Amino acid sequence: MAEPPRTTRNRPVWWLVGILLLIPTVMPLMVNMYAREDPELFGFPFFFWYQFMWIPIAATLTFIAYRITTRQEQRDREAGER
């Protein structure tokens, strides 16, 4: 079965997905933002807990991007069947 063509109509959706995936990729790479010890959280310096904080955030943003992608692909398939 051939894939329906992606139109410019749904391009903003794919930009949103790209941004959602880019955020958790870029933020941990900006070391100068979190290369410090204060404030501490449960005895952990900021340097450590900031990185650990991004684990659930990255998982959530990835899940949201996945759901958007699957819904958009379903809409594209339904539009191709008409």
N, C-alpha and C. Protein backbone atom coordinates (compact mmCIF):
# COMPACT_ATOMS: atom_id res chain seq x y z
N MET A 1 0.85 -1.17 0.00
CA MET A 1 0.00 0.00 0.00
C MET A 1 0.90 1.24 0.00
N ALA A 2 0.63 2.16 -0.86
CA ALA A 2 1.43 3.37 -0.99
C ALA A 2 1.08 4.37 0.12
N GLU A 3 2.09 5.07 0.56
CA GLU A 3 1.88 6.11 1.58
C GLU A 3 1.22 7.32 0.94
N PRO A 4 0.24 7.93 1.60
CA PRO A 4 -0.33 9.16 1.06
C PRO A 4 0.70 10.29 1.14
N PRO A 5 0.71 11.17 0.16
CA PRO A 5 1.70 12.26 0.18
C PRO A 5 1.44 13.23 1.32
N ARG A 6 2.53 13.72 1.91
CA ARG A 6 2.39 14.73 2.95
C ARG A 6 2.25 16.08 2.27
N THR A 7 1.28 16.82 2.70
CA THR A 7 1.03 18.11 2.08
C THR A 7 1.56 19.22 2.96
N THR A 8 1.59 20.42 2.41
CA THR A 8 2.02 21.57 3.21
C THR A 8 0.99 21.90 4.27
N ARG A 9 -0.19 21.34 4.14
CA ARG A 9 -1.26 21.59 5.11
C ARG A 9 -0.87 21.10 6.50
N ASN A 10 -0.14 20.00 6.59
CA ASN A 10 0.20 19.45 7.90
C ASN A 10 1.65 19.72 8.30
N ARG A 11 2.33 20.59 7.58
CA ARG A 11 3.71 20.92 7.90
C ARG A 11 3.89 21.49 9.31
N PRO A 12 3.01 22.38 9.82
CA PRO A 12 3.18 22.87 11.19
C PRO A 12 3.16 21.77 12.24
N VAL A 13 2.43 20.70 11.98
CA VAL A 13 2.40 19.57 12.92
C VAL A 13 3.78 18.95 13.03
N TRP A 14 4.45 18.78 11.90
CA TRP A 14 5.78 18.17 11.92
C TRP A 14 6.81 19.11 12.52
N TRP A 15 6.63 20.42 12.36
CA TRP A 15 7.52 21.37 13.03
C TRP A 15 7.34 21.25 14.54
N LEU A 16 6.12 21.13 15.01
CA LEU A 16 5.86 20.97 16.43
C LEU A 16 6.53 19.72 16.98
N VAL A 17 6.42 18.62 16.26
CA VAL A 17 7.06 17.37 16.67
C VAL A 17 8.57 17.56 16.74
N GLY A 18 9.14 18.23 15.77
CA GLY A 18 10.58 18.48 15.78
C GLY A 18 11.02 19.32 16.97
N ILE A 19 10.24 20.34 17.29
CA ILE A 19 10.57 21.19 18.43
C ILE A 19 10.45 20.40 19.73
N LEU A 20 9.39 19.60 19.86
CA LEU A 20 9.22 18.79 21.06
C LEU A 20 10.39 17.83 21.27
N LEU A 21 10.95 17.31 20.20
CA LEU A 21 12.09 16.40 20.31
C LEU A 21 13.41 17.15 20.46
N LEU A 22 13.46 18.37 19.98
CA LEU A 22 14.69 19.15 20.07
C LEU A 22 14.95 19.68 21.48
N ILE A 23 13.89 20.04 22.18
CA ILE A 23 14.04 20.61 23.52
C ILE A 23 14.81 19.69 24.47
N PRO A 24 14.40 18.42 24.65
CA PRO A 24 15.16 17.59 25.59
C PRO A 24 16.53 17.17 25.06
N THR A 25 16.79 17.41 23.80
CA THR A 25 18.10 17.09 23.25
C THR A 25 19.08 18.23 23.52
N VAL A 26 18.62 19.45 23.34
CA VAL A 26 19.49 20.62 23.44
C VAL A 26 19.71 21.07 24.89
N MET A 27 18.69 21.06 25.69
CA MET A 27 18.81 21.60 27.04
C MET A 27 19.91 20.94 27.88
N PRO A 28 20.02 19.62 27.92
CA PRO A 28 21.12 19.03 28.70
C PRO A 28 22.50 19.32 28.11
N LEU A 29 22.58 19.71 26.86
CA LEU A 29 23.86 20.03 26.25
C LEU A 29 24.36 21.43 26.61
N MET A 30 23.49 22.24 27.18
CA MET A 30 23.86 23.60 27.58
C MET A 30 24.43 23.58 29.00
N VAL A 31 25.62 23.07 29.12
CA VAL A 31 26.24 22.83 30.42
C VAL A 31 26.42 24.11 31.21
N ASN A 32 26.71 25.22 30.55
CA ASN A 32 26.92 26.46 31.29
C ASN A 32 25.69 26.90 32.08
N MET A 33 24.51 26.40 31.74
CA MET A 33 23.29 26.73 32.48
C MET A 33 23.23 26.03 33.84
N TYR A 34 23.81 24.85 33.95
CA TYR A 34 23.66 24.09 35.19
C TYR A 34 24.98 23.66 35.82
N ALA A 35 26.08 24.24 35.42
CA ALA A 35 27.38 23.89 35.99
C ALA A 35 27.60 24.66 37.29
N ARG A 36 26.79 24.36 38.29
CA ARG A 36 26.93 24.98 39.61
C ARG A 36 26.39 24.03 40.66
N GLU A 37 26.65 24.33 41.90
CA GLU A 37 26.22 23.44 42.98
C GLU A 37 24.92 23.88 43.65
N ASP A 38 24.66 25.17 43.68
CA ASP A 38 23.45 25.66 44.36
C ASP A 38 22.35 25.90 43.35
N PRO A 39 21.11 25.67 43.65
CA PRO A 39 20.55 25.16 44.89
C PRO A 39 20.63 23.63 44.97
N GLU A 40 20.67 23.14 46.17
CA GLU A 40 20.69 21.69 46.38
C GLU A 40 19.26 21.18 46.57
N LEU A 41 19.05 19.93 46.21
CA LEU A 41 17.76 19.29 46.39
C LEU A 41 18.01 17.93 47.02
N PHE A 42 17.56 17.73 48.23
CA PHE A 42 17.79 16.49 48.99
C PHE A 42 19.28 16.16 49.07
N GLY A 43 20.12 17.18 49.18
CA GLY A 43 21.55 16.98 49.29
C GLY A 43 22.28 16.82 47.97
N PHE A 44 21.55 16.78 46.87
CA PHE A 44 22.18 16.67 45.55
C PHE A 44 22.45 18.07 44.99
N PRO A 45 23.65 18.30 44.48
CA PRO A 45 23.91 19.61 43.86
C PRO A 45 23.07 19.79 42.60
N PHE A 46 22.87 21.04 42.25
CA PHE A 46 22.05 21.38 41.09
C PHE A 46 22.52 20.67 39.84
N PHE A 47 23.85 20.53 39.70
CA PHE A 47 24.42 19.88 38.52
C PHE A 47 23.83 18.50 38.28
N PHE A 48 23.60 17.74 39.36
CA PHE A 48 23.08 16.37 39.21
C PHE A 48 21.56 16.35 39.06
N TRP A 49 20.85 17.04 39.94
CA TRP A 49 19.39 16.91 39.88
C TRP A 49 18.81 17.58 38.65
N TYR A 50 19.47 18.56 38.07
CA TYR A 50 18.99 19.17 36.83
C TYR A 50 19.00 18.13 35.70
N GLN A 51 20.07 17.37 35.62
CA GLN A 51 20.15 16.34 34.57
C GLN A 51 19.11 15.23 34.79
N PHE A 52 18.93 14.82 36.04
CA PHE A 52 17.93 13.80 36.34
C PHE A 52 16.51 14.31 36.09
N MET A 53 16.30 15.61 36.28
CA MET A 53 14.99 16.21 36.04
C MET A 53 14.58 16.04 34.57
N TRP A 54 15.55 16.05 33.67
CA TRP A 54 15.25 15.96 32.24
C TRP A 54 14.82 14.57 31.80
N ILE A 55 15.05 13.56 32.60
CA ILE A 55 14.64 12.20 32.21
C ILE A 55 13.12 12.10 32.07
N PRO A 56 12.33 12.45 33.09
CA PRO A 56 10.87 12.37 32.89
C PRO A 56 10.34 13.41 31.91
N ILE A 57 10.99 14.58 31.87
CA ILE A 57 10.55 15.60 30.92
C ILE A 57 10.77 15.11 29.49
N ALA A 58 11.93 14.53 29.22
CA ALA A 58 12.23 14.02 27.88
C ALA A 58 11.28 12.89 27.50
N ALA A 59 11.00 12.00 28.46
CA ALA A 59 10.07 10.90 28.19
C ALA A 59 8.67 11.44 27.87
N THR A 60 8.22 12.44 28.62
CA THR A 60 6.90 13.03 28.39
C THR A 60 6.83 13.73 27.03
N LEU A 61 7.84 14.53 26.71
CA LEU A 61 7.84 15.23 25.42
C LEU A 61 7.93 14.25 24.25
N THR A 62 8.69 13.18 24.43
CA THR A 62 8.78 12.16 23.38
C THR A 62 7.44 11.46 23.19
N PHE A 63 6.75 11.16 24.27
CA PHE A 63 5.44 10.53 24.18
C PHE A 63 4.44 11.45 23.48
N ILE A 64 4.47 12.73 23.83
CA ILE A 64 3.57 13.68 23.19
C ILE A 64 3.86 13.76 21.69
N ALA A 65 5.13 13.81 21.33
CA ALA A 65 5.51 13.85 19.91
C ALA A 65 5.04 12.57 19.20
N TYR A 66 5.17 11.44 19.86
CA TYR A 66 4.71 10.18 19.28
C TYR A 66 3.21 10.19 19.03
N ARG A 67 2.45 10.66 20.02
CA ARG A 67 0.99 10.70 19.87
C ARG A 67 0.58 11.65 18.74
N ILE A 68 1.22 12.80 18.65
CA ILE A 68 0.93 13.74 17.57
C ILE A 68 1.23 13.10 16.23
N THR A 69 2.36 12.42 16.14
CA THR A 69 2.78 11.77 14.90
C THR A 69 1.79 10.69 14.47
N THR A 70 1.39 9.83 15.41
CA THR A 70 0.48 8.75 15.05
C THR A 70 -0.89 9.30 14.65
N ARG A 71 -1.36 10.33 15.33
CA ARG A 71 -2.65 10.92 14.95
C ARG A 71 -2.59 11.57 13.58
N GLN A 72 -1.47 12.26 13.31
CA GLN A 72 -1.34 12.92 12.00
C GLN A 72 -1.25 11.88 10.89
N GLU A 73 -0.52 10.81 11.11
CA GLU A 73 -0.43 9.76 10.09
C GLU A 73 -1.78 9.10 9.86
N GLN A 74 -2.57 8.94 10.92
CA GLN A 74 -3.91 8.38 10.77
C GLN A 74 -4.79 9.32 9.94
N ARG A 75 -4.69 10.62 10.22
CA ARG A 75 -5.46 11.59 9.42
C ARG A 75 -5.02 11.57 7.96
N ASP A 76 -3.71 11.44 7.73
CA ASP A 76 -3.21 11.39 6.35
C ASP A 76 -3.75 10.15 5.63
N ARG A 77 -3.76 9.01 6.34
CA ARG A 77 -4.30 7.78 5.74
C ARG A 77 -5.78 7.93 5.41
N GLU A 78 -6.55 8.51 6.34
CA GLU A 78 -7.98 8.69 6.12
C GLU A 78 -8.22 9.66 4.97
N ALA A 79 -7.41 10.69 4.84
CA ALA A 79 -7.57 11.63 3.75
C ALA A 79 -7.22 10.97 2.42
N GLY A 80 -6.29 10.03 2.43
CA GLY A 80 -5.92 9.31 1.21
C GLY A 80 -6.96 8.31 0.76
N GLU A 81 -7.79 7.82 1.69
CA GLU A 81 -8.81 6.84 1.35
C GLU A 81 -10.03 7.50 0.71
N ARG A 82 -10.20 8.76 0.92
CA ARG A 82 -11.39 9.45 0.39
C ARG A 82 -11.30 9.66 -1.07
